[in-house]
Amino acid sequence: MNDEEERLVQAEPEVLEGDDELPRQPVSDRDPFVPEPYPRPGERREWRVMRIAALVVAALILVIVLYAILR
């Protein structure tokens, strides 16, 4: 076996060792930067609540600005 090739160091979890001597796990089949295909449980409700909260904050800012102008 050539020293430049990767060799199996540990069976579970699978770790590869190459010439740089840093243990590495093999690349997973799923890219971690790809978004999930559907919303997780509770995400729809969270976004709905966040939209309502943003509207409340915008209304408060509008009231404060109108109060400052009309005062």
PDB file of N, CA and C in Angstrom:
ATOM      1  N   MET A   1       0.846  -1.181   0.000  1.00  0.00           N
ATOM      2  CA  MET A   1       0.000   0.000   0.000  1.00  0.00           C
ATOM      3  C   MET A   1       0.889   1.241   0.000  1.00  0.00           C
ATOM      4  N   ASN A   2       0.571   2.201  -0.805  1.00  0.00           N
ATOM      5  CA  ASN A   2       1.351   3.422  -0.938  1.00  0.00           C
ATOM      6  C   ASN A   2       1.026   4.374   0.211  1.00  0.00           C
ATOM      7  N   ASP A   3       2.032   5.088   0.753  1.00  0.00           N
ATOM      8  CA  ASP A   3       1.809   6.013   1.862  1.00  0.00           C
ATOM      9  C   ASP A   3       0.938   7.195   1.466  1.00  0.00           C
ATOM     10  N   GLU A   4       0.897   7.554   0.191  1.00  0.00           N
ATOM     11  CA  GLU A   4       0.124   8.700  -0.262  1.00  0.00           C
ATOM     12  C   GLU A   4      -1.364   8.384  -0.358  1.00  0.00           C
ATOM     13  N   GLU A   5      -1.725   7.124  -0.374  1.00  0.00           N
ATOM     14  CA  GLU A   5      -3.133   6.752  -0.488  1.00  0.00           C
ATOM     15  C   GLU A   5      -3.799   6.821   0.877  1.00  0.00           C
ATOM     16  N   GLU A   6      -5.132   6.985   0.861  1.00  0.00           N
ATOM     17  CA  GLU A   6      -5.882   6.978   2.100  1.00  0.00           C
ATOM     18  C   GLU A   6      -6.030   5.542   2.572  1.00  0.00           C
ATOM     19  N   ARG A   7      -6.052   5.354   3.881  1.00  0.00           N
ATOM     20  CA  ARG A   7      -6.237   4.021   4.419  1.00  0.00           C
ATOM     21  C   ARG A   7      -7.243   4.077   5.565  1.00  0.00           C
ATOM     22  N   LEU A   8      -7.963   3.001   5.737  1.00  0.00           N
ATOM     23  CA  LEU A   8      -8.981   2.924   6.773  1.00  0.00           C
ATOM     24  C   LEU A   8      -8.311   2.809   8.138  1.00  0.00           C
ATOM     25  N   VAL A   9      -8.677   3.715   9.071  1.00  0.00           N
ATOM     26  CA  VAL A   9      -8.085   3.725  10.395  1.00  0.00           C
ATOM     27  C   VAL A   9      -9.043   3.106  11.403  1.00  0.00           C
ATOM     28  N   GLN A  10     -10.306   3.399  11.255  1.00  0.00           N
ATOM     29  CA  GLN A  10     -11.299   2.962  12.224  1.00  0.00           C
ATOM     30  C   GLN A  10     -12.557   2.582  11.461  1.00  0.00           C
ATOM     31  N   ALA A  11     -13.204   1.508  11.849  1.00  0.00           N
ATOM     32  CA  ALA A  11     -14.364   1.023  11.115  1.00  0.00           C
ATOM     33  C   ALA A  11     -15.642   1.801  11.447  1.00  0.00           C
ATOM     34  N   GLU A  12     -15.878   2.135  12.686  1.00  0.00           N
ATOM     35  CA  GLU A  12     -17.137   2.768  13.074  1.00  0.00           C
ATOM     36  C   GLU A  12     -16.876   3.956  13.962  1.00  0.00           C
ATOM     37  N   PRO A  13     -17.171   5.181  13.692  1.00  0.00           N
ATOM     38  CA  PRO A  13     -17.535   5.693  12.383  1.00  0.00           C
ATOM     39  C   PRO A  13     -16.332   5.655  11.455  1.00  0.00           C
ATOM     40  N   GLU A  14     -16.610   5.543  10.189  1.00  0.00           N
ATOM     41  CA  GLU A  14     -15.533   5.390   9.211  1.00  0.00           C
ATOM     42  C   GLU A  14     -14.676   6.651   9.172  1.00  0.00           C
ATOM     43  N   VAL A  15     -13.391   6.497   9.391  1.00  0.00           N
ATOM     44  CA  VAL A  15     -12.452   7.613   9.376  1.00  0.00           C
ATOM     45  C   VAL A  15     -11.329   7.257   8.407  1.00  0.00           C
ATOM     46  N   LEU A  16     -10.996   8.204   7.551  1.00  0.00           N
ATOM     47  CA  LEU A  16      -9.932   7.981   6.577  1.00  0.00           C
ATOM     48  C   LEU A  16      -8.687   8.742   7.021  1.00  0.00           C
ATOM     49  N   GLU A  17      -7.538   8.192   6.731  1.00  0.00           N
ATOM     50  CA  GLU A  17      -6.285   8.852   7.065  1.00  0.00           C
ATOM     51  C   GLU A  17      -5.448   8.946   5.802  1.00  0.00           C
ATOM     52  N   GLY A  18      -4.940  10.139   5.532  1.00  0.00           N
ATOM     53  CA  GLY A  18      -4.108  10.339   4.349  1.00  0.00           C
ATOM     54  C   GLY A  18      -2.729  10.801   4.756  1.00  0.00           C
ATOM     55  N   ASP A  19      -2.045  11.462   3.843  1.00  0.00           N
ATOM     56  CA  ASP A  19      -0.682  11.886   4.122  1.00  0.00           C
ATOM     57  C   ASP A  19      -0.607  13.068   5.079  1.00  0.00           C
ATOM     58  N   ASP A  20      -1.727  13.776   5.296  1.00  0.00           N
ATOM     59  CA  ASP A  20      -1.676  14.927   6.185  1.00  0.00           C
ATOM     60  C   ASP A  20      -1.920  14.554   7.648  1.00  0.00           C
ATOM     61  N   GLU A  21      -2.192  13.292   7.940  1.00  0.00           N
ATOM     62  CA  GLU A  21      -2.337  12.754   9.286  1.00  0.00           C
ATOM     63  C   GLU A  21      -3.494  13.356  10.080  1.00  0.00           C
ATOM     64  N   LEU A  22      -4.422  14.059   9.424  1.00  0.00           N
ATOM     65  CA  LEU A  22      -5.615  14.555  10.102  1.00  0.00           C
ATOM     66  C   LEU A  22      -6.752  13.576   9.840  1.00  0.00           C
ATOM     67  N   PRO A  23      -7.385  13.035  10.881  1.00  0.00           N
ATOM     68  CA  PRO A  23      -8.490  12.106  10.634  1.00  0.00           C
ATOM     69  C   PRO A  23      -9.671  12.825   9.989  1.00  0.00           C
ATOM     70  N   ARG A  24     -10.262  12.208   8.997  1.00  0.00           N
ATOM     71  CA  ARG A  24     -11.390  12.805   8.279  1.00  0.00           C
ATOM     72  C   ARG A  24     -12.484  11.770   8.111  1.00  0.00           C
ATOM     73  N   GLN A  25     -13.732  12.253   8.142  1.00  0.00           N
ATOM     74  CA  GLN A  25     -14.847  11.374   7.845  1.00  0.00           C
ATOM     75  C   GLN A  25     -15.178  11.522   6.367  1.00  0.00           C
ATOM     76  N   PRO A  26     -15.667  10.464   5.737  1.00  0.00           N
ATOM     77  CA  PRO A  26     -16.004  10.563   4.320  1.00  0.00           C
ATOM     78  C   PRO A  26     -17.151  11.553   4.089  1.00  0.00           C
ATOM     79  N   VAL A  27     -17.210  12.110   2.897  1.00  0.00           N
ATOM     80  CA  VAL A  27     -18.228  13.077   2.540  1.00  0.00           C
ATOM     81  C   VAL A  27     -19.595  12.398   2.557  1.00  0.00           C
ATOM     82  N   SER A  28     -20.575  13.079   3.147  1.00  0.00           N
ATOM     83  CA  SER A  28     -21.924  12.500   3.191  1.00  0.00           C
ATOM     84  C   SER A  28     -22.590  12.656   1.825  1.00  0.00           C
ATOM     85  N   ASP A  29     -23.625  11.864   1.606  1.00  0.00           N
ATOM     86  CA  ASP A  29     -24.347  11.918   0.334  1.00  0.00           C
ATOM     87  C   ASP A  29     -25.176  13.193   0.224  1.00  0.00           C
ATOM     88  N   ARG A  30     -25.578  13.770   1.352  1.00  0.00           N
ATOM     89  CA  ARG A  30     -26.437  14.950   1.365  1.00  0.00           C
ATOM     90  C   ARG A  30     -25.597  16.187   1.626  1.00  0.00           C
ATOM     91  N   ASP A  31     -25.741  17.181   0.789  1.00  0.00           N
ATOM     92  CA  ASP A  31     -25.019  18.436   0.946  1.00  0.00           C
ATOM     93  C   ASP A  31     -25.635  19.206   2.112  1.00  0.00           C
ATOM     94  N   PRO A  32     -24.853  19.636   3.103  1.00  0.00           N
ATOM     95  CA  PRO A  32     -25.425  20.310   4.269  1.00  0.00           C
ATOM     96  C   PRO A  32     -25.972  21.701   3.952  1.00  0.00           C
ATOM     97  N   PHE A  33     -25.632  22.270   2.789  1.00  0.00           N
ATOM     98  CA  PHE A  33     -26.084  23.605   2.455  1.00  0.00           C
ATOM     99  C   PHE A  33     -27.365  23.609   1.630  1.00  0.00           C
ATOM    100  N   VAL A  34     -27.870  22.442   1.300  1.00  0.00           N
ATOM    101  CA  VAL A  34     -29.130  22.358   0.554  1.00  0.00           C
ATOM    102  C   VAL A  34     -30.271  22.486   1.559  1.00  0.00           C
ATOM    103  N   PRO A  35     -31.219  23.400   1.305  1.00  0.00           N
ATOM    104  CA  PRO A  35     -32.324  23.550   2.248  1.00  0.00           C
ATOM    105  C   PRO A  35     -33.192  22.294   2.295  1.00  0.00           C
ATOM    106  N   GLU A  36     -33.870  22.131   3.404  1.00  0.00           N
ATOM    107  CA  GLU A  36     -34.744  20.977   3.535  1.00  0.00           C
ATOM    108  C   GLU A  36     -35.902  21.092   2.546  1.00  0.00           C
ATOM    109  N   PRO A  37     -36.414  19.979   2.052  1.00  0.00           N
ATOM    110  CA  PRO A  37     -37.457  20.032   1.035  1.00  0.00           C
ATOM    111  C   PRO A  37     -38.803  20.515   1.563  1.00  0.00           C
ATOM    112  N   TYR A  38     -38.997  20.533   2.854  1.00  0.00           N
ATOM    113  CA  TYR A  38     -40.270  20.969   3.432  1.00  0.00           C
ATOM    114  C   TYR A  38     -39.970  21.645   4.762  1.00  0.00           C
ATOM    115  N   PRO A  39     -40.880  22.500   5.233  1.00  0.00           N
ATOM    116  CA  PRO A  39     -40.637  23.164   6.517  1.00  0.00           C
ATOM    117  C   PRO A  39     -40.681  22.170   7.675  1.00  0.00           C
ATOM    118  N   ARG A  40     -39.841  22.398   8.660  1.00  0.00           N
ATOM    119  CA  ARG A  40     -39.834  21.545   9.845  1.00  0.00           C
ATOM    120  C   ARG A  40     -41.079  21.825  10.675  1.00  0.00           C
ATOM    121  N   PRO A  41     -41.425  20.946  11.593  1.00  0.00           N
ATOM    122  CA  PRO A  41     -42.608  21.169  12.432  1.00  0.00           C
ATOM    123  C   PRO A  41     -42.500  22.485  13.199  1.00  0.00           C
ATOM    124  N   GLY A  42     -43.532  23.303  13.106  1.00  0.00           N
ATOM    125  CA  GLY A  42     -43.574  24.573  13.822  1.00  0.00           C
ATOM    126  C   GLY A  42     -43.022  25.747  13.052  1.00  0.00           C
ATOM    127  N   GLU A  43     -42.347  25.529  11.919  1.00  0.00           N
ATOM    128  CA  GLU A  43     -41.765  26.652  11.174  1.00  0.00           C
ATOM    129  C   GLU A  43     -42.824  27.563  10.584  1.00  0.00           C
ATOM    130  N   ARG A  44     -43.894  27.001  10.068  1.00  0.00           N
ATOM    131  CA  ARG A  44     -44.950  27.844   9.489  1.00  0.00           C
ATOM    132  C   ARG A  44     -45.531  28.751  10.555  1.00  0.00           C
ATOM    133  N   ARG A  45     -45.781  28.211  11.741  1.00  0.00           N
ATOM    134  CA  ARG A  45     -46.344  29.008  12.831  1.00  0.00           C
ATOM    135  C   ARG A  45     -45.355  30.095  13.246  1.00  0.00           C
ATOM    136  N   GLU A  46     -44.074  29.758  13.313  1.00  0.00           N
ATOM    137  CA  GLU A  46     -43.061  30.742  13.700  1.00  0.00           C
ATOM    138  C   GLU A  46     -43.033  31.918  12.733  1.00  0.00           C
ATOM    139  N   TRP A  47     -43.067  31.635  11.433  1.00  0.00           N
ATOM    140  CA  TRP A  47     -43.050  32.711  10.443  1.00  0.00           C
ATOM    141  C   TRP A  47     -44.316  33.550  10.531  1.00  0.00           C
ATOM    142  N   ARG A  48     -45.465  32.921  10.799  1.00  0.00           N
ATOM    143  CA  ARG A  48     -46.725  33.648  10.934  1.00  0.00           C
ATOM    144  C   ARG A  48     -46.640  34.597  12.131  1.00  0.00           C
ATOM    145  N   VAL A  49     -46.141  34.104  13.256  1.00  0.00           N
ATOM    146  CA  VAL A  49     -46.009  34.931  14.456  1.00  0.00           C
ATOM    147  C   VAL A  49     -45.009  36.057  14.220  1.00  0.00           C
ATOM    148  N   MET A  50     -43.916  35.756  13.510  1.00  0.00           N
ATOM    149  CA  MET A  50     -42.911  36.783  13.247  1.00  0.00           C
ATOM    150  C   MET A  50     -43.484  37.893  12.355  1.00  0.00           C
ATOM    151  N   ARG A  51     -44.304  37.520  11.370  1.00  0.00           N
ATOM    152  CA  ARG A  51     -44.937  38.540  10.521  1.00  0.00           C
ATOM    153  C   ARG A  51     -45.862  39.428  11.336  1.00  0.00           C
ATOM    154  N   ILE A  52     -46.643  38.826  12.229  1.00  0.00           N
ATOM    155  CA  ILE A  52     -47.556  39.608  13.065  1.00  0.00           C
ATOM    156  C   ILE A  52     -46.759  40.535  13.975  1.00  0.00           C
ATOM    157  N   ALA A  53     -45.668  40.039  14.540  1.00  0.00           N
ATOM    158  CA  ALA A  53     -44.825  40.867  15.409  1.00  0.00           C
ATOM    159  C   ALA A  53     -44.218  42.029  14.624  1.00  0.00           C
ATOM    160  N   ALA A  54     -43.815  41.792  13.390  1.00  0.00           N
ATOM    161  CA  ALA A  54     -43.253  42.869  12.562  1.00  0.00           C
ATOM    162  C   ALA A  54     -44.312  43.927  12.280  1.00  0.00           C
ATOM    163  N   LEU A  55     -45.544  43.514  12.052  1.00  0.00           N
ATOM    164  CA  LEU A  55     -46.628  44.477  11.831  1.00  0.00           C
ATOM    165  C   LEU A  55     -46.892  45.303  13.084  1.00  0.00           C
ATOM    166  N   VAL A  56     -46.846  44.674  14.251  1.00  0.00           N
ATOM    167  CA  VAL A  56     -47.055  45.397  15.504  1.00  0.00           C
ATOM    168  C   VAL A  56     -45.943  46.416  15.720  1.00  0.00           C
ATOM    169  N   VAL A  57     -44.706  46.035  15.466  1.00  0.00           N
ATOM    170  CA  VAL A  57     -43.578  46.960  15.621  1.00  0.00           C
ATOM    171  C   VAL A  57     -43.710  48.115  14.633  1.00  0.00           C
ATOM    172  N   ALA A  58     -44.078  47.833  13.400  1.00  0.00           N
ATOM    173  CA  ALA A  58     -44.254  48.889  12.395  1.00  0.00           C
ATOM    174  C   ALA A  58     -45.380  49.843  12.818  1.00  0.00           C
ATOM    175  N   ALA A  59     -46.462  49.313  13.360  1.00  0.00           N
ATOM    176  CA  ALA A  59     -47.569  50.160  13.817  1.00  0.00           C
ATOM    177  C   ALA A  59     -47.128  51.041  14.976  1.00  0.00           C
ATOM    178  N   LEU A  60     -46.349  50.496  15.900  1.00  0.00           N
ATOM    179  CA  LEU A  60     -45.850  51.300  17.019  1.00  0.00           C
ATOM    180  C   LEU A  60     -44.937  52.427  16.536  1.00  0.00           C
ATOM    181  N   ILE A  61     -44.082  52.123  15.588  1.00  0.00           N
ATOM    182  CA  ILE A  61     -43.194  53.153  15.033  1.00  0.00           C
ATOM    183  C   ILE A  61     -44.018  54.239  14.351  1.00  0.00           C
ATOM    184  N   LEU A  62     -45.053  53.840  13.619  1.00  0.00           N
ATOM    185  CA  LEU A  62     -45.925  54.801  12.942  1.00  0.00           C
ATOM    186  C   LEU A  62     -46.627  55.695  13.962  1.00  0.00           C
ATOM    187  N   VAL A  63     -47.118  55.114  15.042  1.00  0.00           N
ATOM    188  CA  VAL A  63     -47.791  55.894  16.082  1.00  0.00           C
ATOM    189  C   VAL A  63     -46.816  56.879  16.717  1.00  0.00           C
ATOM    190  N   ILE A  64     -45.606  56.436  17.002  1.00  0.00           N
ATOM    191  CA  ILE A  64     -44.619  57.336  17.617  1.00  0.00           C
ATOM    192  C   ILE A  64     -44.258  58.486  16.676  1.00  0.00           C
ATOM    193  N   VAL A  65     -44.063  58.172  15.390  1.00  0.00           N
ATOM    194  CA  VAL A  65     -43.735  59.222  14.419  1.00  0.00           C
ATOM    195  C   VAL A  65     -44.894  60.201  14.263  1.00  0.00           C
ATOM    196  N   LEU A  66     -46.133  59.714  14.177  1.00  0.00           N
ATOM    197  CA  LEU A  66     -47.286  60.588  14.050  1.00  0.00           C
ATOM    198  C   LEU A  66     -47.448  61.449  15.306  1.00  0.00           C
ATOM    199  N   TYR A  67     -47.214  60.876  16.470  1.00  0.00           N
ATOM    200  CA  TYR A  67     -47.293  61.643  17.713  1.00  0.00           C
ATOM    201  C   TYR A  67     -46.253  62.764  17.720  1.00  0.00           C
ATOM    202  N   ALA A  68     -45.038  62.444  17.250  1.00  0.00           N
ATOM    203  CA  ALA A  68     -43.972  63.439  17.220  1.00  0.00           C
ATOM    204  C   ALA A  68     -44.287  64.562  16.235  1.00  0.00           C
ATOM    205  N   ILE A  69     -44.890  64.210  15.115  1.00  0.00           N
ATOM    206  CA  ILE A  69     -45.222  65.221  14.102  1.00  0.00           C
ATOM    207  C   ILE A  69     -46.371  66.115  14.570  1.00  0.00           C
ATOM    208  N   LEU A  70     -47.394  65.543  15.141  1.00  0.00           N
ATOM    209  CA  LEU A  70     -48.589  66.281  15.507  1.00  0.00           C
ATOM    210  C   LEU A  70     -48.490  66.961  16.878  1.00  0.00           C
ATOM    211  N   ARG A  71     -47.469  66.729  17.581  1.00  0.00           N
ATOM    212  CA  ARG A  71     -47.308  67.314  18.915  1.00  0.00           C
ATOM    213  C   ARG A  71     -46.946  68.736  18.868  1.00  0.00           C
TER     214      ARG A  71
END
